[in-house]
Amino acid sequence: MATADTQTASLRSPRTAGDRATFLWRGSAPAQLIGDFNNWGIEEAPLDLEPLGGDLWARTLQLPPDAYIEYAYLHGGARVPDPLNPQRTGDGMGHTNSYLWMPDARDTPLARRRPGVPRGTVTRHEVAGQGYVVGASRTVYLYEPPGAGPHPLLAVFDGRGYLRRAHLATIVDNLAAQQRIRPPAMALIQPGGRGRTVEYACSDTTVAFIIRCVLPVARAHLNLLDVAQAPGAYGIMGASMGGLMAFYTAFRAPEIFGSVLCESGAFGADQLYYRSVLEDLIRCGPVLPLKIWMDVGLHEWFLAPNRRMQALLRERGYDVHYTEQTSGHNYPSWRNVLWQGLEYLYGQGGQDRK
C-alpha cells in the first residue's frame, strides 16, 4: 500500500526502499501502470493506482532489490513515460520508457570509458546485399581490438544497438585491458528496418549474407584468425530475434561459428512457425561442437521459451551456460550481463570479477 509520506511538496517517482517501489502519478484522473513486472499489460492486466487524496495516485510493488526495471503509464488512451521521473530511455520499438534501479542494482562500470585504457578502432562500411537481404546494402561496423592479432571474429546482430546502447566496444576494451578476455574483432551488422523479422527468423539467406558478404569485408579490414585453419574459431551473438538468428547461424555453419552468445532469445516469438526450425535442428540433428552462453530476464515474455531451450540443449549434451537476470527485455539488461558472456566465451580467468 502507498503511504501518506509520499504526499510531499517535491514529488519524485518511483520511491524505493529494500524490495519496495512506490510509483506516483499526479493528475485529476488516475493512470494505469505497465512495465517489465507485468509484461507491459499484454499477458497480464495493467495495474490500477490507489488514490492518496487530492490529485495524487500511487501503487507500491514488491520487486527484487537488485532489479533494473522499465515502465510507463497508460493515461487517456495513450502510453506515456512517468512525468515525475527524469530517467527515460527508448525501447527500440518506438516507445520512450521510464526506468529505475532498485537499491541493490548497479549499471556495470565496464560500460564506461576509463582513463588510460587502450581503445579499439571502429569503422563503418556499406556492404552490398547481393540479393540476400532486403534492400541494396547493409551497414556493418568493424571493430579492431587494441593489441596484436590475429583475432577471432565475433559477428553481432543489431550492431548499432549493441555499439551505442550496450557499449559493447567499451566493454571489450575494458575486459581486454584487465586481461580478462582475449578480445575478439567484431563485425556489427545492422538489420533491415522492417525487414528485420524476416531476416532474423531462421533465414538461410541471412546466413549466406553473413558468410558471403560480411566475412570477406571483415577479412579485408581486420587481422583475423584463419577459420579454415581453426574451424569454429568465430563467434556470433544477438538479442531477442537477433539471439535466435545467432543460434540458427551457428547451427547452419558450425565450422565457422563455434560459439554463441544469446541474450533473451526470441525462441517463442509470435512471428515464428508453431515451433522454430531451430528446435528441430537441435532435437533431430547431430550434437555440434558449440560453446553457448544464454541469458534472459526474469521479467520478460521470453523467459519460459529460454528455459525450455536451455533444457533441450542440455538434454542433447551441449556445452551451455544459462543465467537469469532480475530485469526485462532491453539493452541496459543485456549490457549489464554482457561482460559475463564475453568472459565465458573469450575469458582468461576472472569470471567472478566485476
Protein backbone atom coordinates (compact mmCIF):
# COMPACT_ATOMS: atom_id res chain seq x y z
CA MET A 1 0.00 0.00 0.00
CA ALA A 2 1.13 3.55 -0.68
CA THR A 3 1.55 5.68 2.44
CA ALA A 4 0.90 9.31 3.28
CA ASP A 5 4.61 10.21 3.34
CA THR A 6 4.54 10.14 -0.47
CA GLN A 7 2.49 13.35 -0.39
CA THR A 8 5.30 15.88 -0.29
CA ALA A 9 5.77 19.24 -1.94
CA SER A 10 8.58 17.88 -4.10
CA LEU A 11 7.37 14.72 -5.80
CA ARG A 12 9.60 12.17 -7.43
CA SER A 13 8.73 8.77 -8.70
CA PRO A 14 9.29 5.99 -8.03
CA ARG A 15 10.45 5.78 -4.41
CA THR A 16 12.41 2.70 -3.48
CA ALA A 17 13.29 1.07 -0.17
CA GLY A 18 14.52 -2.50 0.10
CA ASP A 19 12.31 -4.60 -2.15
CA ARG A 20 9.52 -1.99 -2.46
CA ALA A 21 8.97 0.59 -5.17
CA THR A 22 6.18 3.17 -4.97
CA PHE A 23 5.09 4.67 -8.29
CA LEU A 24 3.36 8.07 -8.13
CA TRP A 25 1.01 9.82 -10.53
CA ARG A 26 -0.34 13.37 -10.26
CA GLY A 27 -3.49 14.22 -12.19
CA SER A 28 -7.23 14.73 -11.94
CA ALA A 29 -7.76 11.23 -13.35
CA PRO A 30 -5.80 8.08 -12.49
CA ALA A 31 -3.45 6.23 -14.79
CA GLN A 32 -2.59 2.55 -15.05
CA LEU A 33 0.90 1.14 -14.59
CA ILE A 34 2.61 -1.17 -17.09
CA GLY A 35 6.18 -2.40 -17.28
CA ASP A 36 8.58 -5.30 -17.13
CA PHE A 37 6.83 -6.53 -13.98
CA ASN A 38 3.51 -7.29 -15.74
CA ASN A 39 4.65 -7.95 -19.32
CA TRP A 40 3.63 -4.43 -20.31
CA GLY A 41 -0.05 -5.16 -19.81
CA ILE A 42 -0.10 -7.65 -22.70
CA GLU A 43 -0.33 -11.01 -20.94
CA GLU A 44 -1.19 -9.53 -17.54
CA ALA A 45 -3.61 -6.71 -16.79
CA PRO A 46 -2.37 -3.12 -16.35
CA LEU A 47 -2.15 -2.17 -12.68
CA ASP A 48 -4.59 0.36 -11.23
CA LEU A 49 -3.33 3.12 -8.94
CA GLU A 50 -4.70 3.87 -5.48
CA PRO A 51 -5.96 7.34 -4.51
CA LEU A 52 -3.85 9.24 -1.98
CA GLY A 53 -6.10 12.29 -1.80
CA GLY A 54 -6.29 15.36 -3.96
CA ASP A 55 -4.73 14.67 -7.34
CA LEU A 56 -2.21 12.08 -6.14
CA TRP A 57 -2.31 8.39 -7.00
CA ALA A 58 0.14 5.60 -6.23
CA ARG A 59 0.91 1.91 -6.46
CA THR A 60 3.55 0.04 -4.44
CA LEU A 61 5.11 -3.10 -5.86
CA GLN A 62 7.41 -5.69 -4.37
CA LEU A 63 10.40 -6.15 -6.70
CA PRO A 64 13.81 -7.84 -6.40
CA PRO A 65 16.14 -5.38 -4.63
CA ASP A 66 18.76 -5.82 -7.39
CA ALA A 67 16.37 -5.33 -10.32
CA TYR A 68 16.57 -2.94 -13.25
CA ILE A 69 13.00 -2.10 -14.34
CA GLU A 70 11.46 -0.17 -17.23
CA TYR A 71 7.86 1.01 -17.07
CA ALA A 72 5.27 3.51 -18.34
CA TYR A 73 1.71 4.66 -17.67
CA LEU A 74 -1.49 4.29 -19.65
CA HIS A 75 -3.41 7.57 -19.47
CA GLY A 76 -6.19 8.92 -21.66
CA GLY A 77 -5.76 6.07 -24.13
CA ALA A 78 -2.05 6.75 -24.61
CA ARG A 79 1.17 5.22 -23.31
CA VAL A 80 3.30 7.87 -21.57
CA PRO A 81 6.52 7.89 -19.53
CA ASP A 82 6.39 8.89 -15.87
CA PRO A 83 6.23 12.73 -15.67
CA LEU A 84 7.77 12.56 -12.17
CA ASN A 85 10.81 10.52 -13.26
CA PRO A 86 13.50 12.19 -15.42
CA GLN A 87 15.18 8.85 -16.11
CA ARG A 88 14.00 7.78 -19.57
CA THR A 89 15.17 5.54 -22.37
CA GLY A 90 13.94 4.43 -25.78
CA ASP A 91 12.96 0.78 -26.08
CA GLY A 92 13.98 0.37 -29.72
CA MET A 93 10.36 -0.13 -30.77
CA GLY A 94 9.24 3.48 -30.91
CA HIS A 95 8.39 3.95 -27.21
CA THR A 96 10.02 6.03 -24.51
CA ASN A 97 10.08 4.23 -21.17
CA SER A 98 10.85 5.41 -17.68
CA TYR A 99 13.28 3.29 -15.70
CA LEU A 100 14.57 2.67 -12.20
CA TRP A 101 17.40 0.88 -10.49
CA MET A 102 16.33 -0.83 -7.29
CA PRO A 103 18.58 -0.12 -4.25
CA ASP A 104 20.96 -3.05 -4.81
CA ALA A 105 21.13 -2.74 -8.62
CA ARG A 106 24.06 -1.10 -10.41
CA ASP A 107 24.93 -0.43 -14.01
CA THR A 108 28.16 -2.23 -14.87
CA PRO A 109 31.22 0.06 -14.65
CA LEU A 110 32.71 -1.90 -17.55
CA ALA A 111 30.39 0.01 -19.90
CA ARG A 112 32.12 3.32 -19.06
CA ARG A 113 35.29 4.65 -20.64
CA ARG A 114 38.26 4.52 -18.28
CA PRO A 115 41.30 6.79 -18.49
CA GLY A 116 44.34 5.13 -19.95
CA VAL A 117 42.51 2.10 -21.36
CA PRO A 118 43.58 1.41 -24.98
CA ARG A 119 40.65 1.71 -27.34
CA GLY A 120 39.85 -0.44 -30.31
CA THR A 121 39.07 1.12 -33.66
CA VAL A 122 35.52 1.20 -35.08
CA THR A 123 34.95 1.83 -38.78
CA ARG A 124 31.72 1.96 -40.75
CA HIS A 125 31.18 0.10 -44.03
CA GLU A 126 28.34 -0.34 -46.50
CA VAL A 127 28.23 -3.99 -47.55
CA ALA A 128 26.40 -4.94 -50.74
CA GLY A 129 23.49 -7.27 -50.06
CA GLN A 130 23.89 -9.25 -53.31
CA GLY A 131 20.20 -10.18 -53.13
CA TYR A 132 20.50 -11.93 -49.76
CA VAL A 133 18.85 -9.19 -47.70
CA VAL A 134 16.04 -6.67 -48.08
CA GLY A 135 17.44 -3.62 -49.86
CA ALA A 136 20.71 -2.97 -51.66
CA SER A 137 23.13 -2.99 -48.73
CA ARG A 138 23.65 -3.19 -45.01
CA THR A 139 25.67 -1.02 -42.68
CA VAL A 140 28.37 -3.03 -40.90
CA TYR A 141 30.61 -1.62 -38.18
CA LEU A 142 34.00 -3.30 -37.87
CA TYR A 143 35.84 -3.25 -34.55
CA GLU A 144 39.59 -3.94 -34.40
CA PRO A 145 40.67 -4.50 -30.79
CA PRO A 146 43.87 -2.98 -29.41
CA GLY A 147 46.90 -5.24 -29.34
CA ALA A 148 48.44 -7.68 -31.74
CA GLY A 149 46.37 -10.14 -33.73
CA PRO A 150 45.28 -12.24 -35.35
CA HIS A 151 41.92 -12.14 -33.55
CA PRO A 152 38.85 -14.35 -33.51
CA LEU A 153 35.80 -12.67 -35.04
CA LEU A 154 32.52 -12.05 -33.23
CA ALA A 155 29.59 -11.30 -35.56
CA VAL A 156 26.90 -9.20 -33.85
CA PHE A 157 23.29 -8.80 -34.97
CA ASP A 158 21.63 -5.39 -34.30
CA GLY A 159 25.11 -3.90 -34.38
CA ARG A 160 24.32 -0.22 -33.82
CA GLY A 161 22.20 -1.02 -30.78
CA TYR A 162 25.00 -3.04 -29.25
CA LEU A 163 27.52 -0.30 -30.01
CA ARG A 164 25.51 2.69 -28.81
CA ARG A 165 23.18 1.28 -26.15
CA ALA A 166 25.08 -1.71 -24.81
CA HIS A 167 28.52 -0.04 -25.23
CA LEU A 168 29.91 -3.35 -26.47
CA ALA A 169 33.20 -1.95 -27.80
CA THR A 170 33.89 -0.21 -24.47
CA ILE A 171 33.17 -3.39 -22.53
CA VAL A 172 35.57 -5.35 -24.76
CA ASP A 173 38.23 -2.64 -24.36
CA ASN A 174 37.94 -2.72 -20.56
CA LEU A 175 37.92 -6.51 -20.30
CA ALA A 176 40.96 -6.72 -22.58
CA ALA A 177 42.84 -4.08 -20.58
CA GLN A 178 42.22 -6.12 -17.42
CA GLN A 179 43.42 -9.26 -19.25
CA ARG A 180 40.12 -10.94 -18.60
CA ILE A 181 39.47 -11.90 -22.23
CA ARG A 182 41.30 -12.49 -25.45
CA PRO A 183 39.47 -9.69 -27.27
CA PRO A 184 37.63 -10.59 -30.46
CA ALA A 185 37.43 -8.41 -33.52
CA MET A 186 33.80 -7.70 -34.33
CA ALA A 187 31.51 -7.27 -37.30
CA LEU A 188 28.39 -5.48 -36.03
CA ILE A 189 25.61 -5.78 -38.57
CA GLN A 190 22.61 -3.51 -38.90
CA PRO A 191 19.24 -5.16 -39.68
CA GLY A 192 16.94 -4.13 -42.48
CA GLY A 193 14.42 -1.98 -40.66
CA ARG A 194 11.01 -3.52 -41.26
CA GLY A 195 12.76 -6.49 -42.83
CA ARG A 196 14.40 -7.42 -39.53
CA THR A 197 11.82 -10.02 -38.55
CA VAL A 198 12.01 -11.75 -41.93
CA GLU A 199 15.82 -11.70 -41.92
CA TYR A 200 16.17 -12.91 -38.33
CA ALA A 201 13.51 -15.65 -38.30
CA CYS A 202 15.95 -18.50 -39.04
CA SER A 203 16.74 -17.28 -42.55
CA ASP A 204 19.21 -19.15 -44.75
CA THR A 205 19.65 -16.06 -46.91
CA THR A 206 20.82 -14.13 -43.84
CA VAL A 207 23.33 -16.91 -43.12
CA ALA A 208 24.51 -16.60 -46.73
CA PHE A 209 24.79 -12.81 -46.38
CA ILE A 210 26.99 -13.19 -43.30
CA ILE A 211 29.27 -15.76 -44.91
CA ARG A 212 29.44 -14.46 -48.48
CA CYS A 213 29.16 -10.71 -47.97
CA VAL A 214 30.16 -9.73 -44.42
CA LEU A 215 33.05 -12.12 -43.79
CA PRO A 216 35.02 -11.07 -46.92
CA VAL A 217 34.77 -7.41 -45.88
CA ALA A 218 35.81 -8.28 -42.32
CA ARG A 219 38.81 -10.27 -43.58
CA ALA A 220 39.85 -7.38 -45.81
CA HIS A 221 39.89 -4.83 -42.97
CA LEU A 222 40.61 -6.83 -39.79
CA ASN A 223 43.51 -9.00 -38.68
CA LEU A 224 41.56 -12.24 -38.20
CA LEU A 225 42.34 -15.82 -37.40
CA ASP A 226 42.03 -18.05 -40.46
CA VAL A 227 38.89 -20.03 -39.74
CA ALA A 228 39.97 -22.59 -42.36
CA GLN A 229 42.95 -23.37 -40.13
CA ALA A 230 40.96 -23.08 -36.89
CA PRO A 231 37.41 -24.34 -37.57
CA GLY A 232 34.76 -22.86 -35.33
CA ALA A 233 37.05 -20.06 -34.11
CA TYR A 234 34.48 -17.34 -34.77
CA GLY A 235 31.54 -16.43 -32.55
CA ILE A 236 28.13 -14.95 -33.20
CA MET A 237 25.73 -13.10 -30.92
CA GLY A 238 22.48 -11.18 -30.70
CA ALA A 239 19.48 -10.35 -28.53
CA SER A 240 15.80 -11.22 -28.99
CA MET A 241 15.26 -12.11 -32.67
CA GLY A 242 18.99 -11.45 -33.13
CA GLY A 243 19.71 -14.09 -30.50
CA LEU A 244 17.51 -16.57 -32.34
CA MET A 245 19.35 -15.79 -35.58
CA ALA A 246 22.74 -16.14 -33.88
CA PHE A 247 21.77 -19.64 -32.78
CA TYR A 248 20.50 -20.55 -36.22
CA THR A 249 23.64 -19.28 -37.96
CA ALA A 250 25.88 -21.36 -35.69
CA PHE A 251 23.79 -24.47 -36.25
CA ARG A 252 23.93 -23.95 -40.03
CA ALA A 253 27.67 -23.11 -40.12
CA PRO A 254 29.38 -24.62 -37.04
CA GLU A 255 32.63 -24.96 -38.98
CA ILE A 256 32.82 -21.14 -38.87
CA PHE A 257 30.86 -20.10 -35.78
CA GLY A 258 31.76 -22.35 -32.87
CA SER A 259 30.42 -20.14 -30.10
CA VAL A 260 27.09 -18.39 -29.48
CA LEU A 261 26.16 -15.54 -27.14
CA CYS A 262 22.38 -15.27 -26.97
CA GLU A 263 20.52 -12.68 -24.88
CA SER A 264 16.76 -13.06 -24.40
CA GLY A 265 16.46 -15.27 -27.45
CA ALA A 266 13.10 -15.00 -29.21
CA PHE A 267 12.52 -18.75 -29.30
CA GLY A 268 8.79 -18.34 -28.70
CA ALA A 269 8.15 -15.30 -30.88
CA ASP A 270 4.70 -14.99 -32.49
CA GLN A 271 6.33 -14.40 -35.89
CA LEU A 272 7.65 -17.95 -35.99
CA TYR A 273 6.05 -21.15 -37.23
CA TYR A 274 4.30 -23.04 -34.42
CA ARG A 275 7.79 -24.12 -33.37
CA SER A 276 11.12 -22.83 -34.61
CA VAL A 277 13.12 -24.95 -37.07
CA LEU A 278 15.97 -24.41 -34.62
CA GLU A 279 14.23 -26.78 -32.21
CA ASP A 280 14.17 -29.45 -34.91
CA LEU A 281 17.86 -28.95 -35.68
CA ILE A 282 18.75 -29.41 -32.02
CA ARG A 283 16.42 -32.29 -31.32
CA CYS A 284 16.93 -34.29 -34.52
CA GLY A 285 20.40 -33.33 -35.74
CA PRO A 286 23.85 -34.39 -34.56
CA VAL A 287 25.31 -32.72 -31.46
CA LEU A 288 27.63 -29.99 -32.74
CA PRO A 289 30.84 -28.73 -31.07
CA LEU A 290 29.36 -25.40 -29.97
CA LYS A 291 30.04 -23.38 -26.83
CA ILE A 292 26.89 -21.49 -25.82
CA TRP A 293 26.08 -18.62 -23.44
CA MET A 294 22.42 -17.74 -22.77
CA ASP A 295 20.92 -15.06 -20.54
CA VAL A 296 17.32 -13.92 -20.10
CA GLY A 297 15.41 -11.60 -17.78
CA LEU A 298 13.04 -12.82 -15.09
CA HIS A 299 10.65 -10.01 -16.06
CA GLU A 300 10.12 -10.70 -19.76
CA TRP A 301 7.91 -12.72 -22.07
CA PHE A 302 10.73 -14.89 -23.43
CA LEU A 303 11.62 -16.37 -20.04
CA ALA A 304 9.69 -19.64 -20.47
CA PRO A 305 10.92 -20.28 -24.06
CA ASN A 306 14.53 -19.71 -22.95
CA ARG A 307 14.09 -22.14 -20.08
CA ARG A 308 12.77 -24.74 -22.47
CA MET A 309 15.57 -24.12 -24.96
CA GLN A 310 18.39 -24.47 -22.44
CA ALA A 311 16.77 -27.64 -21.08
CA LEU A 312 16.64 -29.11 -24.60
CA LEU A 313 20.27 -28.15 -25.24
CA ARG A 314 21.42 -29.81 -22.03
CA GLU A 315 19.31 -32.87 -22.72
CA ARG A 316 21.11 -33.23 -26.05
CA GLY A 317 24.54 -32.78 -24.41
CA TYR A 318 25.51 -29.25 -25.46
CA ASP A 319 28.08 -27.08 -23.66
CA VAL A 320 25.71 -24.32 -22.48
CA HIS A 321 25.91 -21.73 -19.68
CA TYR A 322 22.49 -20.30 -18.79
CA THR A 323 21.67 -17.46 -16.41
CA GLU A 324 18.58 -15.44 -15.46
CA GLN A 325 18.73 -11.74 -14.51
CA THR A 326 16.36 -9.60 -12.41
CA SER A 327 15.49 -7.42 -15.37
CA GLY A 328 13.46 -7.25 -18.56
CA HIS A 329 13.83 -7.21 -22.34
CA ASN A 330 16.03 -4.18 -23.03
CA TYR A 331 19.58 -3.06 -23.76
CA PRO A 332 20.51 -1.98 -20.21
CA SER A 333 19.61 -5.50 -19.05
CA TRP A 334 21.72 -7.08 -21.79
CA ARG A 335 24.58 -4.62 -21.20
CA ASN A 336 24.77 -5.49 -17.51
CA VAL A 337 25.33 -9.20 -18.10
CA LEU A 338 27.16 -9.00 -21.42
CA TRP A 339 30.61 -8.94 -19.82
CA GLN A 340 29.91 -12.31 -18.21
CA GLY A 341 29.08 -13.87 -21.57
CA LEU A 342 32.24 -12.42 -23.12
CA GLU A 343 34.34 -13.80 -20.28
CA TYR A 344 32.71 -17.19 -20.65
CA LEU A 345 33.48 -17.38 -24.37
CA TYR A 346 36.79 -15.50 -24.52
CA GLY A 347 37.94 -15.49 -20.89
CA GLN A 348 41.37 -15.82 -19.43
CA GLY A 349 40.11 -16.33 -15.88
CA GLY A 350 38.26 -13.96 -13.57
CA GLN A 351 34.65 -14.83 -14.42
CA ASP A 352 33.53 -13.72 -10.95
CA ARG A 353 35.08 -10.24 -11.07
CA LYS A 354 33.10 -7.08 -11.87
